[in-house]
N, C-alpha and C. Protein backbone atom coordinates (compact mmCIF):
# COMPACT_ATOMS: atom_id res chain seq x y z
N UNK A 1 -7.97 28.25 16.34
CA UNK A 1 -6.84 27.40 16.04
C UNK A 1 -6.60 27.42 14.52
N UNK A 2 -5.38 27.57 14.13
CA UNK A 2 -5.01 27.59 12.71
C UNK A 2 -5.02 26.18 12.14
N UNK A 3 -5.35 26.03 10.87
CA UNK A 3 -5.33 24.69 10.26
C UNK A 3 -3.89 24.18 10.15
N UNK A 4 -3.74 22.88 10.28
CA UNK A 4 -2.44 22.24 10.13
C UNK A 4 -2.25 21.89 8.65
N UNK A 5 -1.20 22.38 8.07
CA UNK A 5 -0.89 22.08 6.67
C UNK A 5 0.45 21.34 6.65
N UNK A 6 0.44 20.16 6.04
CA UNK A 6 1.65 19.35 6.02
C UNK A 6 1.87 18.83 4.60
N UNK A 7 3.06 19.04 4.06
CA UNK A 7 3.41 18.50 2.75
C UNK A 7 4.06 17.13 2.93
N UNK A 8 3.82 16.26 1.96
CA UNK A 8 4.47 14.96 1.98
C UNK A 8 5.92 15.14 1.56
N UNK A 9 6.84 14.90 2.49
CA UNK A 9 8.26 15.11 2.19
C UNK A 9 9.09 13.87 2.47
N UNK A 10 8.75 13.13 3.50
CA UNK A 10 9.60 12.01 3.87
C UNK A 10 8.75 10.86 4.39
N UNK A 11 9.06 9.67 3.89
CA UNK A 11 8.49 8.43 4.43
C UNK A 11 9.62 7.41 4.44
N UNK A 12 9.38 6.30 5.08
CA UNK A 12 10.24 5.13 4.89
C UNK A 12 9.33 3.99 4.45
N UNK A 13 9.81 3.20 3.50
CA UNK A 13 9.04 2.07 2.98
C UNK A 13 9.94 0.86 2.89
N UNK A 14 9.64 -0.12 3.73
CA UNK A 14 10.36 -1.38 3.75
C UNK A 14 9.42 -2.45 3.17
N UNK A 15 9.89 -3.11 2.13
CA UNK A 15 9.14 -4.22 1.53
C UNK A 15 10.06 -5.42 1.52
N UNK A 16 9.69 -6.44 2.25
CA UNK A 16 10.49 -7.67 2.29
C UNK A 16 11.91 -7.47 2.78
N UNK A 17 12.10 -6.51 3.69
CA UNK A 17 13.41 -6.27 4.26
C UNK A 17 14.28 -5.32 3.45
N UNK A 18 13.75 -4.77 2.36
CA UNK A 18 14.48 -3.82 1.53
C UNK A 18 13.81 -2.45 1.60
N UNK A 19 14.60 -1.40 1.70
CA UNK A 19 14.05 -0.04 1.72
C UNK A 19 14.08 0.55 0.31
N UNK A 20 12.91 1.08 -0.12
CA UNK A 20 12.78 1.58 -1.48
C UNK A 20 12.29 3.03 -1.56
N UNK A 21 12.25 3.75 -0.46
CA UNK A 21 11.70 5.11 -0.51
C UNK A 21 12.52 6.05 -1.40
N UNK A 22 13.80 5.77 -1.60
CA UNK A 22 14.63 6.64 -2.42
C UNK A 22 14.15 6.65 -3.87
N UNK A 23 13.51 5.59 -4.35
CA UNK A 23 13.01 5.50 -5.72
C UNK A 23 11.53 5.86 -5.80
N UNK A 24 10.86 6.03 -4.67
CA UNK A 24 9.41 6.19 -4.62
C UNK A 24 8.97 7.62 -4.94
N UNK A 25 8.09 7.77 -5.92
CA UNK A 25 7.53 9.08 -6.29
C UNK A 25 6.15 9.29 -5.68
N UNK A 26 5.32 8.24 -5.65
CA UNK A 26 3.94 8.34 -5.20
C UNK A 26 3.57 7.08 -4.43
N UNK A 27 2.83 7.27 -3.35
CA UNK A 27 2.29 6.11 -2.63
C UNK A 27 0.88 6.42 -2.18
N UNK A 28 0.09 5.37 -2.08
CA UNK A 28 -1.25 5.51 -1.54
C UNK A 28 -1.66 4.17 -0.93
N UNK A 29 -2.05 4.19 0.33
CA UNK A 29 -2.61 3.03 1.00
C UNK A 29 -4.12 3.14 0.82
N UNK A 30 -4.72 2.21 0.09
CA UNK A 30 -6.10 2.37 -0.36
C UNK A 30 -7.01 1.29 0.22
N UNK A 31 -8.16 1.74 0.75
CA UNK A 31 -9.20 0.83 1.23
C UNK A 31 -10.15 0.55 0.07
N UNK A 32 -10.09 -0.66 -0.46
CA UNK A 32 -10.96 -1.08 -1.56
C UNK A 32 -12.13 -1.94 -1.07
N UNK A 33 -12.39 -1.93 0.22
CA UNK A 33 -13.44 -2.77 0.80
C UNK A 33 -14.81 -2.29 0.33
N UNK A 34 -15.59 -3.22 -0.19
CA UNK A 34 -16.96 -2.90 -0.61
C UNK A 34 -17.84 -2.72 0.61
N UNK A 35 -18.92 -1.97 0.43
CA UNK A 35 -19.93 -1.86 1.49
C UNK A 35 -20.61 -3.22 1.66
N UNK A 36 -21.09 -3.49 2.85
CA UNK A 36 -21.82 -4.74 3.07
C UNK A 36 -23.07 -4.78 2.20
N UNK A 37 -23.46 -5.98 1.81
CA UNK A 37 -24.62 -6.14 0.94
C UNK A 37 -25.86 -6.47 1.78
N UNK A 38 -26.93 -5.73 1.56
CA UNK A 38 -28.17 -5.96 2.29
C UNK A 38 -28.89 -7.15 1.64
N UNK A 39 -29.32 -8.08 2.48
CA UNK A 39 -30.06 -9.25 2.01
C UNK A 39 -31.35 -9.34 2.82
N UNK A 40 -32.33 -10.07 2.28
CA UNK A 40 -33.66 -10.11 2.89
C UNK A 40 -34.14 -11.54 3.06
N UNK A 41 -34.98 -11.73 4.09
CA UNK A 41 -35.70 -12.99 4.28
C UNK A 41 -37.18 -12.65 4.37
N UNK A 42 -38.03 -13.66 4.50
CA UNK A 42 -39.47 -13.44 4.56
C UNK A 42 -39.98 -13.18 5.97
N UNK A 43 -39.12 -13.22 6.98
CA UNK A 43 -39.54 -13.00 8.36
C UNK A 43 -39.82 -11.53 8.65
N UNK A 44 -40.43 -11.22 9.83
CA UNK A 44 -40.78 -9.85 10.18
C UNK A 44 -39.55 -8.95 10.34
N UNK A 45 -38.45 -9.50 10.78
CA UNK A 45 -37.19 -8.75 10.86
C UNK A 45 -36.26 -9.23 9.75
N UNK A 46 -36.77 -9.31 8.57
CA UNK A 46 -36.12 -10.00 7.46
C UNK A 46 -35.08 -9.22 6.70
N UNK A 47 -34.27 -8.45 7.38
CA UNK A 47 -33.21 -7.73 6.68
C UNK A 47 -31.91 -7.91 7.46
N UNK A 48 -30.85 -8.21 6.75
CA UNK A 48 -29.54 -8.32 7.38
C UNK A 48 -28.48 -7.87 6.38
N UNK A 49 -27.29 -7.61 6.91
CA UNK A 49 -26.20 -7.14 6.06
C UNK A 49 -25.10 -8.20 6.05
N UNK A 50 -24.72 -8.62 4.85
CA UNK A 50 -23.58 -9.51 4.69
C UNK A 50 -22.34 -8.63 4.58
N UNK A 51 -21.52 -8.64 5.62
CA UNK A 51 -20.33 -7.78 5.65
C UNK A 51 -19.31 -8.25 4.62
N UNK A 52 -18.69 -7.31 3.95
CA UNK A 52 -17.67 -7.62 2.96
C UNK A 52 -16.32 -7.84 3.65
N UNK A 53 -15.48 -8.65 3.04
CA UNK A 53 -14.13 -8.85 3.56
C UNK A 53 -13.31 -7.59 3.31
N UNK A 54 -12.39 -7.31 4.24
CA UNK A 54 -11.48 -6.18 4.06
C UNK A 54 -10.64 -6.39 2.80
N UNK A 55 -10.44 -5.33 2.06
CA UNK A 55 -9.63 -5.38 0.84
C UNK A 55 -8.82 -4.09 0.76
N UNK A 56 -7.53 -4.20 0.96
CA UNK A 56 -6.64 -3.04 0.95
C UNK A 56 -5.53 -3.26 -0.06
N UNK A 57 -4.96 -2.17 -0.56
CA UNK A 57 -3.86 -2.25 -1.52
C UNK A 57 -2.88 -1.11 -1.27
N UNK A 58 -1.67 -1.34 -1.71
CA UNK A 58 -0.62 -0.34 -1.67
C UNK A 58 -0.33 0.04 -3.12
N UNK A 59 -0.71 1.28 -3.48
CA UNK A 59 -0.51 1.78 -4.85
C UNK A 59 0.79 2.58 -4.86
N UNK A 60 1.72 2.19 -5.74
CA UNK A 60 3.06 2.77 -5.73
C UNK A 60 3.51 3.17 -7.13
N UNK A 61 4.24 4.28 -7.21
CA UNK A 61 4.91 4.69 -8.44
C UNK A 61 6.37 4.93 -8.09
N UNK A 62 7.24 4.15 -8.71
CA UNK A 62 8.68 4.25 -8.48
C UNK A 62 9.39 4.74 -9.73
N UNK A 63 10.54 5.37 -9.56
CA UNK A 63 11.49 5.50 -10.65
C UNK A 63 12.03 4.08 -10.87
N UNK A 64 11.90 3.56 -12.08
CA UNK A 64 12.31 2.18 -12.34
C UNK A 64 13.78 1.99 -12.01
N UNK A 65 14.10 0.83 -11.47
CA UNK A 65 15.48 0.48 -11.14
C UNK A 65 15.64 -1.02 -11.38
N UNK A 66 16.23 -1.35 -12.52
CA UNK A 66 16.39 -2.75 -12.93
C UNK A 66 17.75 -3.32 -12.55
N UNK A 67 18.54 -2.57 -11.74
CA UNK A 67 19.79 -3.14 -11.24
C UNK A 67 19.44 -4.29 -10.30
N UNK A 68 20.40 -5.16 -10.04
CA UNK A 68 20.17 -6.28 -9.12
C UNK A 68 19.68 -5.73 -7.79
N UNK A 69 18.53 -6.21 -7.34
CA UNK A 69 17.86 -5.79 -6.10
C UNK A 69 17.32 -4.36 -6.13
N UNK A 70 17.35 -3.70 -7.31
CA UNK A 70 16.62 -2.45 -7.46
C UNK A 70 15.13 -2.77 -7.36
N UNK A 71 14.30 -1.78 -7.16
CA UNK A 71 12.89 -2.03 -6.89
C UNK A 71 12.21 -2.82 -8.01
N UNK A 72 12.48 -2.48 -9.26
CA UNK A 72 11.83 -3.18 -10.38
C UNK A 72 12.29 -4.64 -10.44
N UNK A 73 13.60 -4.85 -10.29
CA UNK A 73 14.16 -6.20 -10.27
C UNK A 73 13.62 -6.99 -9.08
N UNK A 74 13.54 -6.34 -7.92
CA UNK A 74 13.06 -7.01 -6.70
C UNK A 74 11.62 -7.50 -6.89
N UNK A 75 10.76 -6.64 -7.43
CA UNK A 75 9.37 -7.04 -7.66
C UNK A 75 9.27 -8.18 -8.66
N UNK A 76 10.04 -8.11 -9.75
CA UNK A 76 10.01 -9.16 -10.77
C UNK A 76 10.56 -10.47 -10.22
N UNK A 77 11.62 -10.40 -9.43
CA UNK A 77 12.27 -11.61 -8.90
C UNK A 77 11.45 -12.29 -7.81
N UNK A 78 10.52 -11.56 -7.20
CA UNK A 78 9.74 -12.12 -6.08
C UNK A 78 8.24 -12.16 -6.40
N UNK A 79 7.91 -12.24 -7.69
CA UNK A 79 6.51 -12.27 -8.13
C UNK A 79 5.72 -13.35 -7.38
N UNK A 80 4.54 -12.95 -6.89
CA UNK A 80 3.60 -13.82 -6.16
C UNK A 80 4.06 -14.23 -4.76
N UNK A 81 5.16 -13.69 -4.29
CA UNK A 81 5.58 -13.96 -2.91
C UNK A 81 4.85 -13.00 -1.97
N UNK A 82 4.54 -13.46 -0.78
CA UNK A 82 3.96 -12.61 0.26
C UNK A 82 5.08 -12.28 1.24
N UNK A 83 5.31 -10.98 1.43
CA UNK A 83 6.40 -10.51 2.29
C UNK A 83 5.87 -9.42 3.22
N UNK A 84 6.56 -9.17 4.32
CA UNK A 84 6.14 -8.08 5.21
C UNK A 84 6.46 -6.72 4.60
N UNK A 85 5.65 -5.73 4.97
CA UNK A 85 5.94 -4.35 4.59
C UNK A 85 5.76 -3.47 5.82
N UNK A 86 6.43 -2.32 5.78
CA UNK A 86 6.26 -1.30 6.83
C UNK A 86 6.37 0.06 6.18
N UNK A 87 5.36 0.87 6.38
CA UNK A 87 5.31 2.23 5.85
C UNK A 87 5.30 3.20 7.02
N UNK A 88 6.33 4.01 7.14
CA UNK A 88 6.40 5.04 8.17
C UNK A 88 6.10 6.39 7.53
N UNK A 89 5.04 7.02 8.00
CA UNK A 89 4.54 8.29 7.46
C UNK A 89 4.95 9.41 8.40
N UNK A 90 5.55 10.47 7.87
CA UNK A 90 6.08 11.60 8.65
C UNK A 90 7.05 11.13 9.75
N UNK A 91 8.04 10.32 9.39
CA UNK A 91 8.98 9.86 10.43
C UNK A 91 9.82 10.99 11.02
N UNK A 92 9.86 12.13 10.32
CA UNK A 92 10.64 13.27 10.77
C UNK A 92 9.86 14.22 11.67
N UNK A 93 8.56 13.94 11.91
CA UNK A 93 7.71 14.80 12.75
C UNK A 93 7.24 13.95 13.93
N UNK A 94 7.86 14.11 15.06
CA UNK A 94 7.62 13.24 16.22
C UNK A 94 6.13 13.11 16.56
N UNK A 95 5.40 14.20 16.62
CA UNK A 95 3.99 14.16 17.03
C UNK A 95 3.08 13.54 15.96
N UNK A 96 3.58 13.39 14.74
CA UNK A 96 2.74 12.89 13.65
C UNK A 96 3.26 11.60 13.02
N UNK A 97 4.34 11.07 13.53
CA UNK A 97 4.91 9.84 12.98
C UNK A 97 3.96 8.67 13.24
N UNK A 98 3.44 8.10 12.16
CA UNK A 98 2.56 6.93 12.25
C UNK A 98 3.08 5.84 11.33
N UNK A 99 2.66 4.60 11.60
CA UNK A 99 3.17 3.45 10.87
C UNK A 99 2.03 2.49 10.53
N UNK A 100 2.12 1.95 9.33
CA UNK A 100 1.26 0.83 8.92
C UNK A 100 2.18 -0.33 8.59
N UNK A 101 1.81 -1.51 9.02
CA UNK A 101 2.62 -2.69 8.71
C UNK A 101 1.70 -3.88 8.50
N UNK A 102 2.20 -4.84 7.78
CA UNK A 102 1.44 -6.05 7.48
C UNK A 102 2.17 -6.85 6.42
N UNK A 103 1.41 -7.61 5.65
CA UNK A 103 1.96 -8.42 4.58
C UNK A 103 1.39 -7.96 3.25
N UNK A 104 2.23 -8.02 2.22
CA UNK A 104 1.85 -7.59 0.88
C UNK A 104 2.24 -8.69 -0.11
N UNK A 105 1.39 -8.90 -1.11
CA UNK A 105 1.69 -9.88 -2.15
C UNK A 105 2.35 -9.15 -3.32
N UNK A 106 3.56 -9.56 -3.66
CA UNK A 106 4.32 -8.89 -4.70
C UNK A 106 3.85 -9.30 -6.08
N UNK A 107 3.96 -8.40 -7.02
CA UNK A 107 3.58 -8.61 -8.42
C UNK A 107 4.74 -8.19 -9.31
N UNK A 108 4.85 -8.84 -10.45
CA UNK A 108 5.82 -8.43 -11.47
C UNK A 108 5.34 -7.10 -12.04
N UNK A 109 6.22 -6.11 -12.13
CA UNK A 109 5.78 -4.81 -12.63
C UNK A 109 5.60 -4.81 -14.15
N UNK A 110 4.78 -3.90 -14.64
CA UNK A 110 4.67 -3.67 -16.08
C UNK A 110 5.96 -3.00 -16.55
N UNK A 111 6.25 -3.15 -17.81
CA UNK A 111 7.47 -2.59 -18.37
C UNK A 111 7.11 -1.80 -19.62
N UNK A 112 7.74 -0.66 -19.81
CA UNK A 112 7.55 0.11 -21.03
C UNK A 112 7.09 1.52 -20.75
N UNK A 113 6.90 2.28 -21.83
CA UNK A 113 6.47 3.66 -21.72
C UNK A 113 6.80 4.41 -22.99
N UNK A 114 6.72 5.72 -22.92
CA UNK A 114 6.98 6.56 -24.08
C UNK A 114 8.49 6.74 -24.29
N UNK A 115 8.86 6.96 -25.56
CA UNK A 115 10.26 7.20 -25.89
C UNK A 115 10.76 8.45 -25.17
N UNK A 116 11.94 8.37 -24.64
CA UNK A 116 12.65 9.47 -23.98
C UNK A 116 11.96 9.98 -22.70
N UNK A 117 10.98 9.26 -22.22
CA UNK A 117 10.33 9.62 -20.95
C UNK A 117 11.04 8.90 -19.80
N UNK A 118 10.96 9.47 -18.63
CA UNK A 118 11.51 8.81 -17.45
C UNK A 118 10.78 7.50 -17.23
N UNK A 119 11.53 6.42 -17.09
CA UNK A 119 10.92 5.11 -16.91
C UNK A 119 10.39 4.98 -15.48
N UNK A 120 9.12 4.63 -15.38
CA UNK A 120 8.46 4.48 -14.09
C UNK A 120 7.95 3.06 -13.91
N UNK A 121 7.93 2.61 -12.68
CA UNK A 121 7.30 1.34 -12.31
C UNK A 121 6.06 1.70 -11.51
N UNK A 122 4.88 1.49 -12.11
CA UNK A 122 3.61 1.75 -11.44
C UNK A 122 2.98 0.41 -11.11
N UNK A 123 2.65 0.23 -9.84
CA UNK A 123 2.16 -1.08 -9.42
C UNK A 123 1.19 -0.95 -8.25
N UNK A 124 0.20 -1.82 -8.23
CA UNK A 124 -0.73 -1.92 -7.10
C UNK A 124 -0.53 -3.29 -6.48
N UNK A 125 -0.16 -3.30 -5.21
CA UNK A 125 0.11 -4.54 -4.50
C UNK A 125 -0.99 -4.81 -3.48
N UNK A 126 -1.65 -5.97 -3.56
CA UNK A 126 -2.70 -6.28 -2.59
C UNK A 126 -2.10 -6.61 -1.22
N UNK A 127 -2.75 -6.11 -0.17
CA UNK A 127 -2.34 -6.44 1.19
C UNK A 127 -3.05 -7.71 1.61
N UNK A 128 -2.35 -8.56 2.34
CA UNK A 128 -2.85 -9.88 2.71
C UNK A 128 -3.33 -9.85 4.16
N UNK A 129 -4.61 -10.23 4.36
CA UNK A 129 -5.19 -10.30 5.71
C UNK A 129 -4.90 -9.03 6.49
N UNK A 130 -5.10 -7.89 5.87
CA UNK A 130 -4.78 -6.59 6.47
C UNK A 130 -5.91 -6.13 7.36
N UNK A 131 -5.61 -5.83 8.61
CA UNK A 131 -6.57 -5.28 9.55
C UNK A 131 -6.08 -3.89 9.96
N UNK A 132 -6.73 -2.84 9.46
CA UNK A 132 -6.23 -1.49 9.74
C UNK A 132 -6.20 -1.16 11.23
N UNK A 133 -7.03 -1.81 12.02
CA UNK A 133 -7.06 -1.52 13.47
C UNK A 133 -5.76 -1.96 14.14
N UNK A 134 -5.16 -3.03 13.67
CA UNK A 134 -3.90 -3.50 14.28
C UNK A 134 -2.68 -3.08 13.47
N UNK A 135 -2.86 -2.76 12.20
CA UNK A 135 -1.74 -2.38 11.34
C UNK A 135 -1.27 -0.96 11.58
N UNK A 136 -2.13 -0.11 12.12
CA UNK A 136 -1.84 1.30 12.34
C UNK A 136 -1.32 1.50 13.76
N UNK A 137 -0.10 2.03 13.88
CA UNK A 137 0.49 2.26 15.21
C UNK A 137 1.26 3.58 15.21
N UNK A 138 1.61 4.01 16.41
CA UNK A 138 2.51 5.16 16.61
C UNK A 138 3.78 4.62 17.26
N UNK A 139 4.88 4.69 16.51
CA UNK A 139 6.14 4.12 17.06
C UNK A 139 6.67 4.91 18.24
């Protein structure tokens, strides 16, 4: 069997009811969950693992858009709000179209950069109560 090679070409990204994939250059859904911590007691079976809480984030790089309801304006205007998100990966490939959805906490983006460089909005948004087992579906 030949290896499957797929380039990232198309996604859809809805954040709080707004679609922003047209401005999106880079995305990454990242599992930041720590490994469970091993703890000990004095008993004969005195070892147990304290499981860590799930910690996920959506790392995004956009072409900045400060127009009303552009992605940069939207993030700044809704700072600290928790809104739903939906990320559709390979929506144009029926057999590979997968979706992650849940809630994300919005942050005000950083502003600035080098002179004459393309202005980018780089932001990491924490996912709220994200469970990858239920967030991952095939539409």
